[in-house]
Amino acid sequence: MRPSRPAVLGVLLAALLLTPAMAGASAGQITAPDPEARLKKLTAEASRLNKRYRGQVQTLEDARVKAKKATETAKSLKRSLATTETDVVRFAQTAYMGGPLDSAAMLGFRGDAELALDQAATMSHLAGQRANQLVRLKELIRRADEAEKKAEAEIAELERDISRLKKDRVRIEGLLAKYGFQQPTGNGGLTPRTVTMRNLVLQNFPMPYGYGCLRPGDPGDHGSGRACDFMMSSGGRVPTAEAKARGDRLAQWAIDNGARLGVMYIIWQQKYYDVRTGSGWRMMSDRGGNTANHIDHVHISMF
């Protein structure tokens, strides 16, 4: 008995709408934790750790930024994918009304949504516009699925970083006790430790492009008088080879003298070195520009 067109239409819609990405947008939310809710909880936990460890822990901040970007991308793609459901239904309806379907090929579908889309795209009655619509839909499904997996991976990495820092609490609290807690003084609103570091840097390194330390209102170390930026170029430009070499020497000087001076972390050339984590230089995610990525200046934060 030859299958009816409504039955074939049902197979097509199931193939299109019940792919892993689209199913995840509906049924998946019932069983899997909401990524945004998880990220919000982890962000609050990271904030508490930053406060306990006297300043932004760059490992946590970088993992948080990556997770936030990945989650926002996945959310945007899922919204775009959801709006295509109406288009898919309309496409299937018009394909059904426009002429005979290759029902034998469609009923050969065995769970591969990509195969179903390929079969639909090659039907002889499809016009070029309809075929292009299916190609775009296939690409959107693929991107949405990849974005969800990436968001999950970045959130999991943030969870691991938080867990590692909790386990390392005794060592980190030992560092905090060693250096004690300093309040800013009348000397430009900087802590005594920051003033000492700044003066030594200026004595040992030429600063043709200037430097900056206190930044009133900044929620991070600049606002509390515990950090300085030493510029290696101006106007957000990439430093010259000579200036980069000077920045490299300054960053290494901060590491070599960190234990004596109380250096907490250094950021330079889109990499950070955090004494609290003890993990050496680590790459920082792209923050959107040379200054945000610390390409043009060496940042030094103090305990």
Protein backbone atom coordinates (compact mmCIF):
# COMPACT_ATOMS: atom_id res chain seq x y z
CA MET A 1 0.00 0.00 0.00
CA ARG A 2 1.47 3.36 -1.05
CA PRO A 3 1.97 5.76 1.92
CA SER A 4 -0.25 8.83 1.98
CA ARG A 5 1.25 12.26 1.51
CA PRO A 6 0.39 13.34 5.09
CA ALA A 7 2.38 10.36 6.39
CA VAL A 8 5.36 11.30 4.23
CA LEU A 9 5.04 14.91 5.35
CA GLY A 10 5.20 13.73 8.95
CA VAL A 11 8.46 11.93 8.26
CA LEU A 12 9.95 15.10 6.74
CA LEU A 13 8.89 17.30 9.65
CA ALA A 14 10.20 14.81 12.19
CA ALA A 15 13.52 14.70 10.37
CA LEU A 16 13.82 18.47 10.32
CA LEU A 17 12.42 19.42 13.70
CA LEU A 18 13.72 16.59 15.86
CA THR A 19 17.43 16.98 15.13
CA PRO A 20 19.67 17.06 18.25
CA ALA A 21 19.93 20.86 18.19
CA MET A 22 16.19 21.48 17.84
CA ALA A 23 15.25 18.75 20.29
CA GLY A 24 17.65 20.30 22.77
CA ALA A 25 15.81 23.59 22.47
CA SER A 26 12.64 21.96 23.77
CA ALA A 27 12.86 18.56 25.45
CA GLY A 28 16.52 19.03 26.42
CA GLN A 29 15.66 21.88 28.74
CA ILE A 30 13.60 19.51 30.85
CA THR A 31 16.45 17.12 31.60
CA ALA A 32 19.63 19.23 31.25
CA PRO A 33 20.56 22.12 33.55
CA ASP A 34 20.06 25.53 31.96
CA PRO A 35 23.49 26.83 30.84
CA GLU A 36 22.65 30.42 31.76
CA ALA A 37 21.57 29.41 35.26
CA ARG A 38 24.74 27.35 35.73
CA LEU A 39 26.90 30.23 34.50
CA LYS A 40 25.15 32.68 36.82
CA LYS A 41 25.75 30.39 39.80
CA LEU A 42 29.41 29.85 38.85
CA THR A 43 29.94 33.58 38.30
CA ALA A 44 28.70 34.29 41.82
CA GLU A 45 30.99 31.57 43.18
CA ALA A 46 33.96 32.99 41.25
CA SER A 47 33.18 36.45 42.64
CA ARG A 48 33.28 35.08 46.17
CA LEU A 49 36.65 33.44 45.50
CA ASN A 50 38.01 36.68 44.02
CA LYS A 51 36.99 38.50 47.17
CA ARG A 52 38.45 35.82 49.45
CA TYR A 53 41.73 35.83 47.52
CA ARG A 54 41.97 39.67 47.51
CA GLY A 55 41.57 40.38 43.85
CA GLN A 56 40.44 39.09 40.51
CA VAL A 57 41.86 35.64 39.83
CA GLN A 58 42.70 35.80 36.14
CA THR A 59 42.12 32.09 35.59
CA LEU A 60 38.55 32.44 36.79
CA GLU A 61 37.91 35.69 34.94
CA ASP A 62 39.19 34.30 31.67
CA ALA A 63 37.16 31.11 32.02
CA ARG A 64 34.08 33.18 32.91
CA VAL A 65 34.49 35.42 29.84
CA LYS A 66 34.84 32.41 27.55
CA ALA A 67 31.82 30.68 29.07
CA LYS A 68 29.72 33.85 28.83
CA LYS A 69 30.58 34.39 25.16
CA ALA A 70 29.91 30.75 24.27
CA THR A 71 26.60 30.72 26.16
CA GLU A 72 25.42 33.93 24.49
CA THR A 73 26.33 32.55 21.05
CA ALA A 74 24.44 29.32 21.73
CA LYS A 75 21.41 31.24 22.97
CA SER A 76 21.37 33.48 19.90
CA LEU A 77 21.62 30.52 17.52
CA LYS A 78 18.87 28.64 19.35
CA ARG A 79 16.60 31.68 18.98
CA SER A 80 17.35 31.79 15.26
CA LEU A 81 16.74 28.07 14.99
CA ALA A 82 13.40 28.32 16.81
CA THR A 83 12.14 30.95 14.36
CA THR A 84 12.85 28.62 11.44
CA GLU A 85 10.34 26.04 12.65
CA THR A 86 7.51 28.02 11.10
CA ASP A 87 9.46 28.28 7.85
CA VAL A 88 10.10 24.54 7.86
CA VAL A 89 6.41 23.76 8.38
CA ARG A 90 5.47 26.19 5.62
CA PHE A 91 8.09 24.66 3.32
CA ALA A 92 6.85 21.13 3.95
CA GLN A 93 3.24 22.18 3.37
CA THR A 94 4.00 23.89 0.08
CA ALA A 95 6.13 20.95 -1.02
CA TYR A 96 3.19 18.63 -0.27
CA MET A 97 0.68 20.78 -2.15
CA GLY A 98 3.00 21.52 -5.06
CA GLY A 99 3.31 18.03 -6.47
CA PRO A 100 4.19 14.40 -5.77
CA LEU A 101 6.88 13.61 -3.23
CA ASP A 102 9.46 10.88 -3.46
CA SER A 103 7.84 9.01 -0.60
CA ALA A 104 9.99 5.89 -0.97
CA ALA A 105 13.18 7.90 -0.46
CA MET A 106 11.74 9.84 2.44
CA LEU A 107 10.54 6.70 4.21
CA GLY A 108 14.08 5.37 3.89
CA PHE A 109 15.08 7.85 6.64
CA ARG A 110 16.68 5.97 9.54
CA GLY A 111 17.42 8.76 12.08
CA ASP A 112 19.97 10.85 10.15
CA ALA A 113 18.51 14.37 9.91
CA GLU A 114 21.28 15.44 7.52
CA LEU A 115 20.31 12.61 5.14
CA ALA A 116 16.66 13.61 5.31
CA LEU A 117 17.52 17.18 4.44
CA ASP A 118 19.71 16.03 1.54
CA GLN A 119 16.88 13.88 0.21
CA ALA A 120 14.43 16.75 0.50
CA ALA A 121 16.81 19.15 -1.20
CA THR A 122 17.17 16.89 -4.23
CA MET A 123 13.49 16.39 -4.89
CA SER A 124 12.77 17.23 -8.50
CA HIS A 125 9.87 19.59 -7.66
CA LEU A 126 12.00 21.86 -5.42
CA ALA A 127 12.78 25.27 -6.80
CA GLY A 128 16.17 26.86 -6.19
CA GLN A 129 14.82 29.06 -3.40
CA ARG A 130 13.51 26.09 -1.46
CA ALA A 131 16.77 24.19 -1.89
CA ASN A 132 18.73 27.18 -0.61
CA GLN A 133 16.40 27.39 2.39
CA LEU A 134 17.21 23.81 3.32
CA VAL A 135 20.94 24.40 2.95
CA ARG A 136 20.74 27.40 5.29
CA LEU A 137 18.71 25.39 7.77
CA LYS A 138 21.23 22.55 7.75
CA GLU A 139 24.04 25.00 8.45
CA LEU A 140 22.07 26.66 11.26
CA ILE A 141 21.41 23.28 12.88
CA ARG A 142 25.11 22.41 12.69
CA ARG A 143 26.21 25.76 14.16
CA ALA A 144 23.64 25.62 16.97
CA ASP A 145 24.72 22.12 17.93
CA GLU A 146 28.40 23.12 17.94
CA ALA A 147 27.66 26.27 19.96
CA GLU A 148 25.82 24.29 22.64
CA LYS A 149 28.69 21.83 22.93
CA LYS A 150 31.22 24.67 23.19
CA ALA A 151 29.17 26.46 25.85
CA GLU A 152 28.98 23.25 27.86
CA ALA A 153 32.75 22.74 27.56
CA GLU A 154 33.54 26.31 28.68
CA ILE A 155 31.17 26.11 31.64
CA ALA A 156 32.73 22.79 32.65
CA GLU A 157 36.20 24.40 32.47
CA LEU A 158 35.05 27.21 34.78
CA GLU A 159 33.75 24.60 37.21
CA ARG A 160 37.12 22.83 37.15
CA ASP A 161 39.03 26.09 37.74
CA ILE A 162 36.84 26.92 40.72
CA SER A 163 37.34 23.41 42.11
CA ARG A 164 41.13 23.64 41.70
CA LEU A 165 41.31 26.98 43.49
CA LYS A 166 39.18 25.68 46.35
CA LYS A 167 41.49 22.70 46.77
CA ASP A 168 44.49 25.05 46.74
CA ARG A 169 42.96 27.26 49.45
CA VAL A 170 45.57 26.50 52.13
CA ARG A 171 48.51 27.50 49.92
CA ILE A 172 46.79 30.65 48.65
CA GLU A 173 45.72 31.73 52.13
CA GLY A 174 49.33 31.20 53.22
CA LEU A 175 50.41 33.71 50.55
CA LEU A 176 47.78 36.19 51.68
CA ALA A 177 48.93 35.85 55.29
CA LYS A 178 52.56 36.29 54.27
CA TYR A 179 51.95 39.67 52.63
CA GLY A 180 49.18 40.87 54.90
CA PHE A 181 46.51 43.35 53.89
CA GLN A 182 47.40 46.94 53.01
CA GLN A 183 45.09 49.92 52.71
CA PRO A 184 45.75 52.77 50.26
CA THR A 185 47.64 55.67 51.79
CA GLY A 186 47.77 59.37 51.02
CA ASN A 187 50.48 58.68 48.44
CA GLY A 188 48.27 58.96 45.34
CA GLY A 189 45.71 56.52 46.74
CA LEU A 190 48.08 53.56 46.30
CA THR A 191 49.06 50.93 48.83
CA PRO A 192 52.66 51.14 50.14
CA ARG A 193 53.50 47.92 48.34
CA THR A 194 52.25 49.34 45.03
CA VAL A 195 54.21 52.55 45.54
CA THR A 196 57.40 50.54 46.11
CA MET A 197 56.82 48.46 42.99
CA ARG A 198 56.02 51.52 40.86
CA ASN A 199 59.12 53.42 42.01
CA LEU A 200 61.41 50.47 41.36
CA VAL A 201 59.97 49.99 37.88
CA LEU A 202 60.52 53.66 37.06
CA GLN A 203 64.07 53.47 38.36
CA ASN A 204 64.92 50.43 36.24
CA PHE A 205 62.90 50.91 33.04
CA PRO A 206 62.43 53.94 30.78
CA MET A 207 58.75 54.82 30.29
CA PRO A 208 58.51 56.91 27.10
CA TYR A 209 54.78 56.17 26.80
CA GLY A 210 53.86 56.77 30.44
CA TYR A 211 52.09 54.70 33.05
CA GLY A 212 48.94 54.74 35.17
CA CYS A 213 48.02 53.25 38.53
CA LEU A 214 44.99 54.52 40.48
CA ARG A 215 41.71 54.45 38.60
CA PRO A 216 38.91 55.76 40.87
CA GLY A 217 35.70 53.80 40.54
CA ASP A 218 37.38 50.77 38.96
CA PRO A 219 35.99 47.60 40.62
CA GLY A 220 39.33 45.81 40.27
CA ASP A 221 42.86 46.33 41.56
CA HIS A 222 43.28 49.74 39.93
CA GLY A 223 40.37 51.04 41.98
CA SER A 224 41.86 49.76 45.23
CA GLY A 225 45.31 51.21 44.51
CA ARG A 226 46.99 47.84 44.02
CA ALA A 227 47.86 47.85 40.31
CA CYS A 228 49.78 49.81 37.68
CA ASP A 229 49.79 49.75 33.88
CA PHE A 230 53.13 50.46 32.19
CA MET A 231 52.58 51.49 28.57
CA MET A 232 54.74 50.11 25.78
CA SER A 233 53.03 52.09 23.01
CA SER A 234 50.44 54.85 22.59
CA GLY A 235 47.04 55.02 20.95
CA GLY A 236 46.41 51.30 21.32
CA ARG A 237 49.09 50.46 18.77
CA VAL A 238 51.11 47.24 18.74
CA PRO A 239 54.49 47.96 20.39
CA THR A 240 57.62 48.16 18.28
CA ALA A 241 60.12 45.31 18.56
CA GLU A 242 62.22 47.42 20.94
CA ALA A 243 59.25 48.34 23.12
CA LYS A 244 58.01 44.73 23.20
CA ALA A 245 61.46 43.58 24.32
CA ARG A 246 61.31 46.17 27.12
CA GLY A 247 57.87 44.87 28.12
CA ASP A 248 59.19 41.32 28.13
CA ARG A 249 62.05 42.36 30.44
CA LEU A 250 59.65 44.22 32.74
CA ALA A 251 57.29 41.23 32.98
CA GLN A 252 60.20 38.91 33.79
CA TRP A 253 61.55 41.40 36.34
CA ALA A 254 58.16 41.37 38.07
CA ILE A 255 58.26 37.57 38.22
CA ASP A 256 61.85 37.46 39.46
CA ASN A 257 61.19 40.06 42.18
CA GLY A 258 57.59 39.09 42.86
CA ALA A 259 58.18 37.15 46.08
CA ARG A 260 60.17 40.04 47.56
CA LEU A 261 57.78 42.79 46.49
CA GLY A 262 54.44 41.01 46.81
CA VAL A 263 53.44 40.81 43.13
CA MET A 264 50.12 39.00 42.79
CA TYR A 265 49.76 38.72 39.02
CA ILE A 266 51.06 40.14 35.72
CA ILE A 267 49.30 40.54 32.37
CA TRP A 268 51.22 41.18 29.16
CA GLN A 269 50.76 40.37 25.46
CA GLN A 270 47.39 38.63 26.05
CA LYS A 271 48.91 36.30 28.64
CA TYR A 272 48.70 36.33 32.43
CA TYR A 273 50.93 35.04 35.20
CA ASP A 274 49.04 34.60 38.48
CA VAL A 275 51.14 33.78 41.56
CA ARG A 276 48.08 32.44 43.39
CA THR A 277 47.39 29.68 40.85
CA GLY A 278 51.06 28.78 40.35
CA SER A 279 50.34 27.72 36.78
CA GLY A 280 52.86 29.96 34.99
CA TRP A 281 51.99 31.96 31.89
CA ARG A 282 48.54 31.23 30.45
CA MET A 283 46.89 32.59 27.32
CA MET A 284 44.06 35.04 27.84
CA SER A 285 40.91 35.01 25.69
CA ASP A 286 40.43 37.80 23.18
CA ARG A 287 38.90 40.85 24.89
CA GLY A 288 38.49 42.81 21.67
CA GLY A 289 41.47 45.13 21.25
CA ASN A 290 45.16 45.76 21.89
CA THR A 291 44.57 47.60 25.16
CA ALA A 292 41.92 45.20 26.46
CA ASN A 293 44.22 42.30 25.56
CA HIS A 294 47.19 44.01 27.23
CA ILE A 295 49.17 43.98 24.00
CA ASP A 296 50.28 47.58 24.55
CA HIS A 297 50.99 47.59 28.30
CA VAL A 298 52.28 45.50 31.18
CA HIS A 299 49.79 45.22 34.05
CA ILE A 300 51.16 44.44 37.53
CA SER A 301 48.83 43.78 40.47
CA MET A 302 50.06 43.54 44.05
CA PHE A 303 48.89 41.53 47.07
